[in-house]
Amino acid sequence: MDVEKVLLTGLGRFDGVLQEVKADDWDRPSTCAEWTARELVGHVLFVTGNAATLLRGGAPDYGAQVDLAATAGDDPVAAFRRLEPETREALRDADLDAVMETPMGPMPVRKRLAFPAMDLHLHAWDLGRTFGVDVELPEEIAQFVHEAIDPMPDEQVRSEGVFGPEVAAPDDATPTERLMAWTGREVR
C-alpha cells in the first residue's frame, strides 16, 4: 500500500471514530498514557498539521512544545474536520519525491509522510478503544507499519514518543490486536 493511500484512508478512519464520541466525553482518560481523549486528538491534529506543512514544502516544527488540549479545543471534531480537507489538498499538490530535512536526516517527503499516515490509523484504534468502538485495521496497514518501522534501530523505535516495549498478544488476538501489542499497547 502506498503512503498516499495510507494517509487518505487514515484521515477517513480517524474521522469515522470521531463521529462516535459524545461531546461530554472529551476529558475522559484515553488508552494512551497520560492523555485524555481531547489530548489524543490534539496530538493527531499536531502530527497531521505537520504532515500538511511537509506536503506543502514547508519545514514542520517537530520539536514544538504543544498544549494538546488547546490544540483540540472545545470541539475536537470540528478542528479535525477543518484540517482534513487541507491535508487532502496538500497531498494532491505535493511532490512526494522531494527531499526534505527531518529530525532523522534528509529523506523524501514520501518516506517522512509514513509516520503521520500510520499515526492516524494507530490512534483511531486508541480513540476507538477509549470509547468502546471496535476498530479493525486492514492487513495492508499492518504491513505498511512494519515496512516503515522494521528497518529502524530498536532503540529508536522503542523510545519515548514512539512505541513502548512490545507486549504479549493473547493467543486468540486479531491481526489488529497483534499489531497494537507489537507497538506496545495492551489490547485487552
C-alpha atoms as a PDB file:
ATOM      1  CA  MET A   1       0.000   0.000   0.000  1.00  0.00           C
ATOM      2  CA  ASP A   2       1.440   3.399  -0.891  1.00  0.00           C
ATOM      3  CA  VAL A   3       1.765   6.219   1.597  1.00  0.00           C
ATOM      4  CA  GLU A   4      -0.849   8.357  -0.153  1.00  0.00           C
ATOM      5  CA  LYS A   5      -3.498   5.679   0.316  1.00  0.00           C
ATOM      6  CA  VAL A   6      -2.454   5.087   3.928  1.00  0.00           C
ATOM      7  CA  LEU A   7      -2.792   8.813   4.656  1.00  0.00           C
ATOM      8  CA  LEU A   8      -6.143   9.168   2.897  1.00  0.00           C
ATOM      9  CA  THR A   9      -7.686   6.073   4.479  1.00  0.00           C
ATOM     10  CA  GLY A  10      -6.258   7.148   7.835  1.00  0.00           C
ATOM     11  CA  LEU A  11      -7.986  10.514   7.605  1.00  0.00           C
ATOM     12  CA  GLY A  12     -11.271   8.743   6.893  1.00  0.00           C
ATOM     13  CA  ARG A  13     -10.773   6.124   9.609  1.00  0.00           C
ATOM     14  CA  PHE A  14      -9.938   8.704  12.276  1.00  0.00           C
ATOM     15  CA  ASP A  15     -12.919  10.860  11.254  1.00  0.00           C
ATOM     16  CA  GLY A  16     -15.171   7.807  11.479  1.00  0.00           C
ATOM     17  CA  VAL A  17     -14.127   7.155  15.086  1.00  0.00           C
ATOM     18  CA  LEU A  18     -14.536  10.847  15.963  1.00  0.00           C
ATOM     19  CA  GLN A  19     -18.192  10.585  14.951  1.00  0.00           C
ATOM     20  CA  GLU A  20     -18.726   8.066  17.751  1.00  0.00           C
ATOM     21  CA  VAL A  21     -17.505  10.349  20.555  1.00  0.00           C
ATOM     22  CA  LYS A  22     -20.079  12.187  22.630  1.00  0.00           C
ATOM     23  CA  ALA A  23     -19.444  15.878  23.347  1.00  0.00           C
ATOM     24  CA  ASP A  24     -19.125  15.395  27.111  1.00  0.00           C
ATOM     25  CA  ASP A  25     -16.558  12.560  26.843  1.00  0.00           C
ATOM     26  CA  TRP A  26     -13.517  14.528  25.668  1.00  0.00           C
ATOM     27  CA  ASP A  27     -11.852  14.765  29.062  1.00  0.00           C
ATOM     28  CA  ARG A  28     -12.044  11.029  29.692  1.00  0.00           C
ATOM     29  CA  PRO A  29      -8.634   9.295  30.019  1.00  0.00           C
ATOM     30  CA  SER A  30      -7.574   7.660  26.763  1.00  0.00           C
ATOM     31  CA  THR A  31      -5.741   4.397  26.302  1.00  0.00           C
ATOM     32  CA  CYS A  32      -2.580   6.437  25.638  1.00  0.00           C
ATOM     33  CA  ALA A  33      -0.834   7.003  28.950  1.00  0.00           C
ATOM     34  CA  GLU A  34      -1.247  10.496  30.368  1.00  0.00           C
ATOM     35  CA  TRP A  35      -3.531  11.764  27.572  1.00  0.00           C
ATOM     36  CA  THR A  36      -7.225  12.466  27.705  1.00  0.00           C
ATOM     37  CA  ALA A  37      -9.300  11.795  24.602  1.00  0.00           C
ATOM     38  CA  ARG A  38      -9.079  15.540  23.817  1.00  0.00           C
ATOM     39  CA  GLU A  39      -5.269  15.454  24.109  1.00  0.00           C
ATOM     40  CA  LEU A  40      -5.103  12.368  21.907  1.00  0.00           C
ATOM     41  CA  VAL A  41      -6.985  14.250  19.199  1.00  0.00           C
ATOM     42  CA  GLY A  42      -4.718  17.254  19.824  1.00  0.00           C
ATOM     43  CA  HIS A  43      -1.706  15.017  19.167  1.00  0.00           C
ATOM     44  CA  VAL A  44      -3.248  13.743  15.918  1.00  0.00           C
ATOM     45  CA  LEU A  45      -4.022  17.336  14.885  1.00  0.00           C
ATOM     46  CA  PHE A  46      -0.436  18.395  15.594  1.00  0.00           C
ATOM     47  CA  VAL A  47       1.081  15.459  13.693  1.00  0.00           C
ATOM     48  CA  THR A  48      -1.365  15.775  10.780  1.00  0.00           C
ATOM     49  CA  GLY A  49      -0.802  19.533  10.649  1.00  0.00           C
ATOM     50  CA  ASN A  50       2.937  18.883  10.415  1.00  0.00           C
ATOM     51  CA  ALA A  51       2.230  16.442   7.584  1.00  0.00           C
ATOM     52  CA  ALA A  52       0.234  19.094   5.712  1.00  0.00           C
ATOM     53  CA  THR A  53       3.097  21.565   6.186  1.00  0.00           C
ATOM     54  CA  LEU A  54       5.560  18.977   4.891  1.00  0.00           C
ATOM     55  CA  LEU A  55       3.344  18.264   1.881  1.00  0.00           C
ATOM     56  CA  ARG A  56       3.234  21.965   1.045  1.00  0.00           C
ATOM     57  CA  GLY A  57       7.045  22.041   1.052  1.00  0.00           C
ATOM     58  CA  GLY A  58       7.360  23.699   4.451  1.00  0.00           C
ATOM     59  CA  ALA A  59       9.506  22.730   7.411  1.00  0.00           C
ATOM     60  CA  PRO A  60       7.391  21.442  10.301  1.00  0.00           C
ATOM     61  CA  ASP A  61       8.500  22.213  13.855  1.00  0.00           C
ATOM     62  CA  TYR A  62       8.700  18.626  15.092  1.00  0.00           C
ATOM     63  CA  GLY A  63      10.087  19.656  18.471  1.00  0.00           C
ATOM     64  CA  ALA A  64       7.454  22.267  19.281  1.00  0.00           C
ATOM     65  CA  GLN A  65       6.009  22.174  22.774  1.00  0.00           C
ATOM     66  CA  VAL A  66       2.274  21.901  22.185  1.00  0.00           C
ATOM     67  CA  ASP A  67      -0.665  22.151  24.547  1.00  0.00           C
ATOM     68  CA  LEU A  68      -2.550  19.186  23.101  1.00  0.00           C
ATOM     69  CA  ALA A  69      -5.857  20.009  24.823  1.00  0.00           C
ATOM     70  CA  ALA A  70      -5.745  23.560  23.482  1.00  0.00           C
ATOM     71  CA  THR A  71      -4.853  22.253  20.013  1.00  0.00           C
ATOM     72  CA  ALA A  72      -8.016  20.118  20.024  1.00  0.00           C
ATOM     73  CA  GLY A  73     -10.028  22.970  21.531  1.00  0.00           C
ATOM     74  CA  ASP A  74     -13.630  22.857  22.663  1.00  0.00           C
ATOM     75  CA  ASP A  75     -14.719  20.966  19.555  1.00  0.00           C
ATOM     76  CA  PRO A  76     -12.073  18.399  18.545  1.00  0.00           C
ATOM     77  CA  VAL A  77     -14.297  17.030  15.770  1.00  0.00           C
ATOM     78  CA  ALA A  78     -14.605  20.448  14.127  1.00  0.00           C
ATOM     79  CA  ALA A  79     -10.860  21.013  14.494  1.00  0.00           C
ATOM     80  CA  PHE A  80     -10.124  17.736  12.708  1.00  0.00           C
ATOM     81  CA  ARG A  81     -12.705  18.445  10.018  1.00  0.00           C
ATOM     82  CA  ARG A  82     -11.031  21.780   9.281  1.00  0.00           C
ATOM     83  CA  LEU A  83      -7.623  20.130   8.935  1.00  0.00           C
ATOM     84  CA  GLU A  84      -8.711  17.071   6.963  1.00  0.00           C
ATOM     85  CA  PRO A  85      -9.551  18.821   3.653  1.00  0.00           C
ATOM     86  CA  GLU A  86      -6.414  20.990   3.935  1.00  0.00           C
ATOM     87  CA  THR A  87      -4.330  17.823   4.270  1.00  0.00           C
ATOM     88  CA  ARG A  88      -6.062  16.155   1.317  1.00  0.00           C
ATOM     89  CA  GLU A  89      -5.468  19.251  -0.825  1.00  0.00           C
ATOM     90  CA  ALA A  90      -1.808  19.455   0.230  1.00  0.00           C
ATOM     91  CA  LEU A  91      -1.364  15.785  -0.732  1.00  0.00           C
ATOM     92  CA  ARG A  92      -2.873  16.383  -4.179  1.00  0.00           C
ATOM     93  CA  ASP A  93      -0.337  19.126  -4.907  1.00  0.00           C
ATOM     94  CA  ALA A  94       2.712  17.566  -3.200  1.00  0.00           C
ATOM     95  CA  ASP A  95       5.987  16.435  -4.706  1.00  0.00           C
ATOM     96  CA  LEU A  96       6.416  13.226  -2.702  1.00  0.00           C
ATOM     97  CA  ASP A  97       9.874  12.637  -4.137  1.00  0.00           C
ATOM     98  CA  ALA A  98      11.247  15.999  -2.957  1.00  0.00           C
ATOM     99  CA  VAL A  99      13.966  15.555  -0.328  1.00  0.00           C
ATOM    100  CA  MET A 100      13.351  17.374   2.959  1.00  0.00           C
ATOM    101  CA  GLU A 101      15.379  17.829   6.136  1.00  0.00           C
ATOM    102  CA  THR A 102      13.885  15.864   9.026  1.00  0.00           C
ATOM    103  CA  PRO A 103      14.973  15.043  12.584  1.00  0.00           C
ATOM    104  CA  MET A 104      16.268  11.763  11.127  1.00  0.00           C
ATOM    105  CA  GLY A 105      18.235  13.451   8.337  1.00  0.00           C
ATOM    106  CA  PRO A 106      17.331  14.195   4.716  1.00  0.00           C
ATOM    107  CA  MET A 107      14.646  11.974   3.218  1.00  0.00           C
ATOM    108  CA  PRO A 108      11.954  12.071   0.546  1.00  0.00           C
ATOM    109  CA  VAL A 109       8.626  13.515   1.613  1.00  0.00           C
ATOM    110  CA  ARG A 110       7.061  10.129   0.789  1.00  0.00           C
ATOM    111  CA  LYS A 111       9.165   8.386   3.425  1.00  0.00           C
ATOM    112  CA  ARG A 112       8.671  11.064   6.105  1.00  0.00           C
ATOM    113  CA  LEU A 113       4.935  11.013   5.486  1.00  0.00           C
ATOM    114  CA  ALA A 114       4.802   7.363   6.592  1.00  0.00           C
ATOM    115  CA  PHE A 115       4.800   8.307  10.275  1.00  0.00           C
ATOM    116  CA  PRO A 116       1.843  10.707  10.294  1.00  0.00           C
ATOM    117  CA  ALA A 117      -0.039   8.431   7.879  1.00  0.00           C
ATOM    118  CA  MET A 118       0.251   5.396  10.157  1.00  0.00           C
ATOM    119  CA  ASP A 119      -0.372   7.581  13.222  1.00  0.00           C
ATOM    120  CA  LEU A 120      -3.921   8.237  12.021  1.00  0.00           C
ATOM    121  CA  HIS A 121      -4.692   4.510  11.934  1.00  0.00           C
ATOM    122  CA  LEU A 122      -2.987   3.611  15.207  1.00  0.00           C
ATOM    123  CA  HIS A 123      -4.612   6.486  17.072  1.00  0.00           C
ATOM    124  CA  ALA A 124      -8.009   5.722  15.530  1.00  0.00           C
ATOM    125  CA  TRP A 125      -7.680   2.357  17.302  1.00  0.00           C
ATOM    126  CA  ASP A 126      -6.615   4.113  20.529  1.00  0.00           C
ATOM    127  CA  LEU A 127      -9.535   6.534  20.402  1.00  0.00           C
ATOM    128  CA  GLY A 128     -11.945   3.756  19.487  1.00  0.00           C
ATOM    129  CA  ARG A 129     -10.747   1.622  22.372  1.00  0.00           C
ATOM    130  CA  THR A 130     -11.158   4.580  24.729  1.00  0.00           C
ATOM    131  CA  PHE A 131     -14.861   4.732  23.834  1.00  0.00           C
ATOM    132  CA  GLY A 132     -15.627   1.083  23.165  1.00  0.00           C
ATOM    133  CA  VAL A 133     -15.650   1.473  19.384  1.00  0.00           C
ATOM    134  CA  ASP A 134     -14.210  -1.558  17.596  1.00  0.00           C
ATOM    135  CA  VAL A 135     -11.553  -0.522  15.069  1.00  0.00           C
ATOM    136  CA  GLU A 136     -10.041  -3.248  12.913  1.00  0.00           C
ATOM    137  CA  LEU A 137      -7.156  -2.228  10.709  1.00  0.00           C
ATOM    138  CA  PRO A 138      -6.693  -3.898   7.328  1.00  0.00           C
ATOM    139  CA  GLU A 139      -3.703  -6.223   6.970  1.00  0.00           C
ATOM    140  CA  GLU A 140      -2.218  -3.763   4.453  1.00  0.00           C
ATOM    141  CA  ILE A 141      -1.903  -1.177   7.226  1.00  0.00           C
ATOM    142  CA  ALA A 142      -0.050  -3.614   9.495  1.00  0.00           C
ATOM    143  CA  GLN A 143       2.250  -4.471   6.596  1.00  0.00           C
ATOM    144  CA  PHE A 144       2.844  -0.766   5.895  1.00  0.00           C
ATOM    145  CA  VAL A 145       3.652  -0.082   9.566  1.00  0.00           C
ATOM    146  CA  HIS A 146       6.140  -2.939   9.654  1.00  0.00           C
ATOM    147  CA  GLU A 147       7.771  -1.896   6.377  1.00  0.00           C
ATOM    148  CA  ALA A 148       8.250   1.635   7.749  1.00  0.00           C
ATOM    149  CA  ILE A 149       9.356   0.666  11.257  1.00  0.00           C
ATOM    150  CA  ASP A 150      11.217  -2.654  10.987  1.00  0.00           C
ATOM    151  CA  PRO A 151      14.332  -1.158   9.311  1.00  0.00           C
ATOM    152  CA  MET A 152      14.756   1.307  12.203  1.00  0.00           C
ATOM    153  CA  PRO A 153      17.022   0.502  15.173  1.00  0.00           C
ATOM    154  CA  ASP A 154      15.075  -0.922  18.101  1.00  0.00           C
ATOM    155  CA  GLU A 155      16.338   1.773  20.497  1.00  0.00           C
ATOM    156  CA  GLN A 156      14.849   4.413  18.198  1.00  0.00           C
ATOM    157  CA  VAL A 157      11.525   2.592  17.826  1.00  0.00           C
ATOM    158  CA  ARG A 158      11.122   1.654  21.486  1.00  0.00           C
ATOM    159  CA  SER A 159      11.651   5.147  22.824  1.00  0.00           C
ATOM    160  CA  GLU A 160       9.604   7.899  24.389  1.00  0.00           C
ATOM    161  CA  GLY A 161       7.181   9.365  21.904  1.00  0.00           C
ATOM    162  CA  VAL A 162       7.369   6.413  19.506  1.00  0.00           C
ATOM    163  CA  PHE A 163       6.443   2.892  20.674  1.00  0.00           C
ATOM    164  CA  GLY A 164       6.704   1.271  24.070  1.00  0.00           C
ATOM    165  CA  PRO A 165       8.088  -2.200  24.645  1.00  0.00           C
ATOM    166  CA  GLU A 166       6.224  -4.911  22.776  1.00  0.00           C
ATOM    167  CA  VAL A 167       3.581  -6.634  24.898  1.00  0.00           C
ATOM    168  CA  ALA A 168       2.394 -10.196  24.516  1.00  0.00           C
ATOM    169  CA  ALA A 169      -0.736 -10.533  22.423  1.00  0.00           C
ATOM    170  CA  PRO A 170      -3.303 -13.107  23.534  1.00  0.00           C
ATOM    171  CA  ASP A 171      -3.254 -16.409  21.623  1.00  0.00           C
ATOM    172  CA  ASP A 172      -6.610 -15.565  20.051  1.00  0.00           C
ATOM    173  CA  ALA A 173      -5.638 -11.977  19.153  1.00  0.00           C
ATOM    174  CA  THR A 174      -6.921 -10.472  15.938  1.00  0.00           C
ATOM    175  CA  PRO A 175      -4.362  -9.200  13.417  1.00  0.00           C
ATOM    176  CA  THR A 176      -5.089  -5.668  14.637  1.00  0.00           C
ATOM    177  CA  GLU A 177      -4.539  -6.671  18.259  1.00  0.00           C
ATOM    178  CA  ARG A 178      -1.225  -8.293  17.294  1.00  0.00           C
ATOM    179  CA  LEU A 179      -0.099  -5.078  15.579  1.00  0.00           C
ATOM    180  CA  MET A 180      -1.152  -2.928  18.505  1.00  0.00           C
ATOM    181  CA  ALA A 181       0.576  -5.233  21.025  1.00  0.00           C
ATOM    182  CA  TRP A 182       3.711  -5.003  18.876  1.00  0.00           C
ATOM    183  CA  THR A 183       3.502  -1.192  19.199  1.00  0.00           C
ATOM    184  CA  GLY A 184       3.440  -1.571  22.985  1.00  0.00           C
ATOM    185  CA  ARG A 185      -0.282  -1.283  23.638  1.00  0.00           C
ATOM    186  CA  GLU A 186      -2.273  -3.513  25.972  1.00  0.00           C
ATOM    187  CA  VAL A 187      -5.017  -4.916  23.777  1.00  0.00           C
ATOM    188  CA  ARG A 188      -7.384  -6.396  26.342  1.00  0.00           C
END
